[in-house]
Amino acid sequence: MPKPRIHRSCGKHRDGTPPARVVPRRFDRAKKAAAAQLDQLEPSWLVLYGEWTRQFVAFARWTAEPVRVAAATVEELRELMREAELSAMFRHAYEWGAA
């Protein structure tokens, strides 16, 4: 049985030509570094920067419930993290009858 031939009519690789060399690039290095720094400063949160979404994202490590906050800047993210912590604290106080 003959092997099927793959036709590449466009792109970086064409039949009869050498492949074009692609230089890898890293995007948003400063934002990744800022996310890593915030992750070190906030041990109760997992902080990441999404290259695809271009957002800072934080996942709570302090609760079994899924808590995720996202923002365009580190400052906004920290505010949302504090709001999530306060909201959880008040919710638990209400559930235990302390409020």
C-alpha atoms as a PDB file:
ATOM      1  CA  MET A   1       0.000   0.000   0.000  1.00  0.00           C
ATOM      2  CA  PRO A   2       1.554   3.336  -0.964  1.00  0.00           C
ATOM      3  CA  LYS A   3       2.250   5.879   1.735  1.00  0.00           C
ATOM      4  CA  PRO A   4      -0.082   8.920   1.507  1.00  0.00           C
ATOM      5  CA  ARG A   5       1.685  12.077   0.487  1.00  0.00           C
ATOM      6  CA  ILE A   6       1.128  15.205   2.533  1.00  0.00           C
ATOM      7  CA  HIS A   7       0.762  18.299   0.388  1.00  0.00           C
ATOM      8  CA  ARG A   8       2.018  21.479   1.944  1.00  0.00           C
ATOM      9  CA  SER A   9       1.091  24.312  -0.344  1.00  0.00           C
ATOM     10  CA  CYS A  10       1.552  27.087   2.172  1.00  0.00           C
ATOM     11  CA  GLY A  11       3.240  27.856   5.444  1.00  0.00           C
ATOM     12  CA  LYS A  12       6.857  27.684   6.522  1.00  0.00           C
ATOM     13  CA  HIS A  13       7.560  24.333   4.835  1.00  0.00           C
ATOM     14  CA  ARG A  14       7.042  23.673   1.135  1.00  0.00           C
ATOM     15  CA  ASP A  15       8.042  20.729  -0.979  1.00  0.00           C
ATOM     16  CA  GLY A  16      11.444  21.259  -2.529  1.00  0.00           C
ATOM     17  CA  THR A  17      12.470  24.170  -0.280  1.00  0.00           C
ATOM     18  CA  PRO A  18      14.355  24.107   2.994  1.00  0.00           C
ATOM     19  CA  PRO A  19      12.270  24.914   6.058  1.00  0.00           C
ATOM     20  CA  ALA A  20      12.392  28.528   7.171  1.00  0.00           C
ATOM     21  CA  ARG A  21      14.188  29.151  10.432  1.00  0.00           C
ATOM     22  CA  VAL A  22      11.855  30.490  13.105  1.00  0.00           C
ATOM     23  CA  VAL A  23      13.353  32.415  15.996  1.00  0.00           C
ATOM     24  CA  PRO A  24      11.542  31.597  19.252  1.00  0.00           C
ATOM     25  CA  ARG A  25      10.386  34.630  21.193  1.00  0.00           C
ATOM     26  CA  ARG A  26       9.173  35.023  24.733  1.00  0.00           C
ATOM     27  CA  PHE A  27       6.250  37.323  25.291  1.00  0.00           C
ATOM     28  CA  ASP A  28       5.357  39.359  28.352  1.00  0.00           C
ATOM     29  CA  ARG A  29       8.496  38.613  30.361  1.00  0.00           C
ATOM     30  CA  ALA A  30       7.908  41.555  32.713  1.00  0.00           C
ATOM     31  CA  LYS A  31       4.332  40.481  33.426  1.00  0.00           C
ATOM     32  CA  LYS A  32       5.395  36.896  34.087  1.00  0.00           C
ATOM     33  CA  ALA A  33       8.054  38.177  36.463  1.00  0.00           C
ATOM     34  CA  ALA A  34       5.480  40.363  38.236  1.00  0.00           C
ATOM     35  CA  ALA A  35       3.184  37.348  38.633  1.00  0.00           C
ATOM     36  CA  ALA A  36       6.045  35.255  40.014  1.00  0.00           C
ATOM     37  CA  GLN A  37       6.926  37.990  42.500  1.00  0.00           C
ATOM     38  CA  LEU A  38       3.322  38.316  43.663  1.00  0.00           C
ATOM     39  CA  ASP A  39       3.141  34.536  43.978  1.00  0.00           C
ATOM     40  CA  GLN A  40       6.113  34.694  46.378  1.00  0.00           C
ATOM     41  CA  LEU A  41       4.519  37.522  48.382  1.00  0.00           C
ATOM     42  CA  GLU A  42       1.134  35.778  48.661  1.00  0.00           C
ATOM     43  CA  PRO A  43       1.715  32.193  49.885  1.00  0.00           C
ATOM     44  CA  SER A  44      -2.009  31.516  50.288  1.00  0.00           C
ATOM     45  CA  TRP A  45      -2.594  32.159  46.571  1.00  0.00           C
ATOM     46  CA  LEU A  46      -1.267  30.635  43.368  1.00  0.00           C
ATOM     47  CA  VAL A  47      -0.593  33.566  41.026  1.00  0.00           C
ATOM     48  CA  LEU A  48       0.006  33.120  37.296  1.00  0.00           C
ATOM     49  CA  TYR A  49       0.083  35.244  34.172  1.00  0.00           C
ATOM     50  CA  GLY A  50      -1.776  33.893  31.148  1.00  0.00           C
ATOM     51  CA  GLU A  51      -0.047  34.689  27.869  1.00  0.00           C
ATOM     52  CA  TRP A  52      -3.139  33.757  25.904  1.00  0.00           C
ATOM     53  CA  THR A  53      -5.600  35.745  28.029  1.00  0.00           C
ATOM     54  CA  ARG A  54      -3.117  38.522  28.888  1.00  0.00           C
ATOM     55  CA  GLN A  55      -4.456  38.495  32.435  1.00  0.00           C
ATOM     56  CA  PHE A  56      -3.089  37.895  35.901  1.00  0.00           C
ATOM     57  CA  VAL A  57      -4.935  35.019  37.579  1.00  0.00           C
ATOM     58  CA  ALA A  58      -4.937  33.916  41.217  1.00  0.00           C
ATOM     59  CA  PHE A  59      -6.276  30.676  42.674  1.00  0.00           C
ATOM     60  CA  ALA A  60      -6.924  30.429  46.415  1.00  0.00           C
ATOM     61  CA  ARG A  61      -4.915  27.840  48.319  1.00  0.00           C
ATOM     62  CA  TRP A  62      -6.601  28.612  51.636  1.00  0.00           C
ATOM     63  CA  THR A  63      -9.976  27.013  50.930  1.00  0.00           C
ATOM     64  CA  ALA A  64     -11.345  23.783  49.532  1.00  0.00           C
ATOM     65  CA  GLU A  65     -13.910  25.788  47.578  1.00  0.00           C
ATOM     66  CA  PRO A  66     -12.749  26.944  44.150  1.00  0.00           C
ATOM     67  CA  VAL A  67     -11.860  30.634  44.300  1.00  0.00           C
ATOM     68  CA  ARG A  68     -10.401  32.262  41.187  1.00  0.00           C
ATOM     69  CA  VAL A  69      -9.856  35.937  40.500  1.00  0.00           C
ATOM     70  CA  ALA A  70      -8.436  37.568  37.367  1.00  0.00           C
ATOM     71  CA  ALA A  71      -7.395  41.092  36.425  1.00  0.00           C
ATOM     72  CA  ALA A  72      -5.449  43.037  33.820  1.00  0.00           C
ATOM     73  CA  THR A  73      -2.919  44.426  36.329  1.00  0.00           C
ATOM     74  CA  VAL A  74      -1.180  43.209  39.476  1.00  0.00           C
ATOM     75  CA  GLU A  75      -2.722  46.028  41.516  1.00  0.00           C
ATOM     76  CA  GLU A  76      -6.247  45.104  40.445  1.00  0.00           C
ATOM     77  CA  LEU A  77      -5.523  41.452  41.164  1.00  0.00           C
ATOM     78  CA  ARG A  78      -4.359  42.198  44.722  1.00  0.00           C
ATOM     79  CA  GLU A  79      -7.567  44.168  45.370  1.00  0.00           C
ATOM     80  CA  LEU A  80      -9.674  41.262  44.097  1.00  0.00           C
ATOM     81  CA  MET A  81      -7.693  38.837  46.242  1.00  0.00           C
ATOM     82  CA  ARG A  82      -8.390  40.909  49.383  1.00  0.00           C
ATOM     83  CA  GLU A  83     -12.083  41.173  48.445  1.00  0.00           C
ATOM     84  CA  ALA A  84     -12.296  37.387  47.997  1.00  0.00           C
ATOM     85  CA  GLU A  85     -10.648  36.822  51.385  1.00  0.00           C
ATOM     86  CA  LEU A  86     -12.993  39.265  53.135  1.00  0.00           C
ATOM     87  CA  SER A  87     -16.026  37.812  51.399  1.00  0.00           C
ATOM     88  CA  ALA A  88     -15.086  34.305  52.506  1.00  0.00           C
ATOM     89  CA  MET A  89     -14.398  35.490  56.047  1.00  0.00           C
ATOM     90  CA  PHE A  90     -17.802  37.190  56.343  1.00  0.00           C
ATOM     91  CA  ARG A  91     -19.570  34.235  54.712  1.00  0.00           C
ATOM     92  CA  HIS A  92     -18.024  31.817  57.224  1.00  0.00           C
ATOM     93  CA  ALA A  93     -18.819  34.126  60.140  1.00  0.00           C
ATOM     94  CA  TYR A  94     -22.447  34.291  59.010  1.00  0.00           C
ATOM     95  CA  GLU A  95     -22.644  30.508  58.644  1.00  0.00           C
ATOM     96  CA  TRP A  96     -21.300  30.024  62.190  1.00  0.00           C
ATOM     97  CA  GLY A  97     -23.728  32.597  63.587  1.00  0.00           C
ATOM     98  CA  ALA A  98     -21.098  35.126  64.645  1.00  0.00           C
ATOM     99  CA  ALA A  99     -22.623  37.960  62.655  1.00  0.00           C
END
